[in-house]
């Protein structure tokens, strides 16, 4: 089954021939690790703001794929300071309701740029 690449005009695409931000395979949607980076700008300085910006990007990609945040079944969240995890969870609660997706939270020593504090990947299963 071939993968279909999904884009959204408000979510910058990576350079050609590097990776895909979002792929649909059958009824599954895979969203690559998203950060609060928008081109050369970082959209927020703190963990809450970065997580909120990332969840917003994921929601836009899912919408473009015909899915929603309610279809997300798995999240992997990378943070550079796990002691600030409650800020990430607060943003997550603003995007999800009901049964939350399964989730993994991992502290890493660094992300792609020093100012980045949060990176999140998602998997969704379209039910409609």
Protein backbone atom coordinates (compact mmCIF):
# COMPACT_ATOMS: atom_id res chain seq x y z
CA UNK A 1 0.00 0.00 0.00
CA UNK A 2 1.65 3.27 -1.09
CA UNK A 3 2.09 6.16 1.31
CA UNK A 4 0.42 9.49 0.53
CA UNK A 5 2.34 12.59 1.57
CA UNK A 6 0.19 15.23 3.29
CA UNK A 7 1.05 18.92 3.55
CA UNK A 8 -0.57 21.98 5.08
CA UNK A 9 0.21 25.58 4.04
CA UNK A 10 0.79 26.63 7.68
CA UNK A 11 3.25 23.82 8.42
CA UNK A 12 6.58 24.40 6.67
CA UNK A 13 7.85 21.43 4.69
CA UNK A 14 11.37 20.07 5.23
CA UNK A 15 13.99 20.48 2.53
CA UNK A 16 13.45 18.17 -0.46
CA UNK A 17 14.64 14.57 -0.09
CA UNK A 18 15.06 14.69 3.70
CA UNK A 19 11.82 13.45 5.32
CA UNK A 20 8.04 13.82 5.18
CA UNK A 21 6.14 15.65 7.88
CA UNK A 22 3.01 13.55 7.42
CA UNK A 23 2.20 10.33 5.59
CA UNK A 24 -1.06 8.43 5.25
CA UNK A 25 -0.89 4.68 4.79
CA UNK A 26 -4.32 3.06 4.56
CA UNK A 27 -6.29 4.46 7.49
CA UNK A 28 -3.18 5.37 9.50
CA UNK A 29 -1.62 8.82 9.69
CA UNK A 30 2.00 9.20 10.75
CA UNK A 31 3.26 12.64 11.80
CA UNK A 32 7.02 13.11 12.09
CA UNK A 33 8.58 14.73 15.12
CA UNK A 34 7.31 18.31 15.05
CA UNK A 35 8.94 21.24 16.83
CA UNK A 36 7.90 24.83 17.46
CA UNK A 37 10.17 25.96 14.64
CA UNK A 38 8.49 27.86 11.81
CA UNK A 39 11.10 28.44 9.15
CA UNK A 40 13.95 30.15 11.01
CA UNK A 41 11.78 31.31 13.93
CA UNK A 42 11.00 29.50 17.17
CA UNK A 43 7.32 30.13 17.99
CA UNK A 44 7.70 30.15 21.80
CA UNK A 45 10.40 30.22 24.47
CA UNK A 46 8.89 27.93 27.11
CA UNK A 47 7.75 24.30 27.18
CA UNK A 48 4.04 25.13 27.31
CA UNK A 49 4.21 27.50 24.33
CA UNK A 50 6.34 25.13 22.30
CA UNK A 51 4.13 22.14 23.07
CA UNK A 52 1.02 24.16 22.19
CA UNK A 53 2.56 25.24 18.86
CA UNK A 54 3.53 21.64 18.08
CA UNK A 55 0.08 20.25 18.88
CA UNK A 56 -1.39 22.97 16.66
CA UNK A 57 0.87 21.90 13.77
CA UNK A 58 -0.08 18.26 14.31
CA UNK A 59 -3.78 19.17 14.32
CA UNK A 60 -3.39 21.03 11.02
CA UNK A 61 -1.61 18.12 9.36
CA UNK A 62 -4.21 15.67 10.64
CA UNK A 63 -7.01 17.88 9.33
CA UNK A 64 -5.33 17.96 5.91
CA UNK A 65 -5.20 14.15 6.07
CA UNK A 66 -8.91 13.89 6.88
CA UNK A 67 -8.33 13.08 10.54
CA UNK A 68 -8.49 14.91 13.85
CA UNK A 69 -6.75 14.98 17.22
CA UNK A 70 -9.45 12.57 18.40
CA UNK A 71 -8.01 9.99 16.00
CA UNK A 72 -4.53 10.11 17.58
CA UNK A 73 -3.68 6.80 19.23
CA UNK A 74 -0.01 7.35 20.10
CA UNK A 75 2.29 10.24 20.98
CA UNK A 76 6.04 10.24 21.55
CA UNK A 77 7.16 13.41 23.31
CA UNK A 78 10.80 14.44 23.61
CA UNK A 79 11.74 17.17 26.11
CA UNK A 80 15.07 18.63 27.11
CA UNK A 81 14.00 19.16 30.75
CA UNK A 82 11.67 16.50 32.11
CA UNK A 83 11.10 18.52 35.28
CA UNK A 84 9.01 20.89 33.10
CA UNK A 85 6.75 18.07 31.84
CA UNK A 86 3.62 19.51 33.46
CA UNK A 87 3.78 22.43 31.00
CA UNK A 88 3.71 19.95 28.11
CA UNK A 89 0.83 18.05 29.71
CA UNK A 90 -1.11 21.29 30.19
CA UNK A 91 -0.86 22.00 26.45
CA UNK A 92 -1.80 18.39 25.68
CA UNK A 93 -4.98 18.71 27.76
CA UNK A 94 -6.03 21.65 25.56
CA UNK A 95 -5.97 19.48 22.42
CA UNK A 96 -7.33 16.14 23.66
CA UNK A 97 -10.49 15.05 25.46
CA UNK A 98 -11.95 11.72 26.52
CA UNK A 99 -9.55 8.81 26.28
CA UNK A 100 -6.12 10.30 25.71
CA UNK A 101 -3.71 8.58 23.30
CA UNK A 102 -1.01 6.31 24.66
CA UNK A 103 2.06 8.42 25.24
CA UNK A 104 5.78 8.14 25.82
CA UNK A 105 7.74 11.01 27.38
CA UNK A 106 11.51 10.99 27.04
CA UNK A 107 14.13 13.47 28.18
CA UNK A 108 16.88 14.05 25.62
CA UNK A 109 20.09 16.02 25.90
CA UNK A 110 19.30 18.22 22.89
CA UNK A 111 17.00 18.72 19.91
CA UNK A 112 17.87 20.05 16.43
CA UNK A 113 18.43 23.62 17.69
CA UNK A 114 19.48 24.77 21.18
CA UNK A 115 16.30 26.87 21.68
CA UNK A 116 14.01 23.90 21.01
CA UNK A 117 12.68 22.27 24.17
CA UNK A 118 9.89 19.98 22.87
CA UNK A 119 9.46 17.64 19.91
CA UNK A 120 6.36 15.50 19.41
CA UNK A 121 5.46 12.76 16.92
CA UNK A 122 1.98 11.28 16.50
CA UNK A 123 0.20 8.30 15.00
CA UNK A 124 -3.52 8.46 14.22
CA UNK A 125 -6.02 5.92 12.96
CA UNK A 126 -8.85 7.40 10.91
CA UNK A 127 -12.19 5.96 11.91
CA UNK A 128 -14.41 7.89 9.53
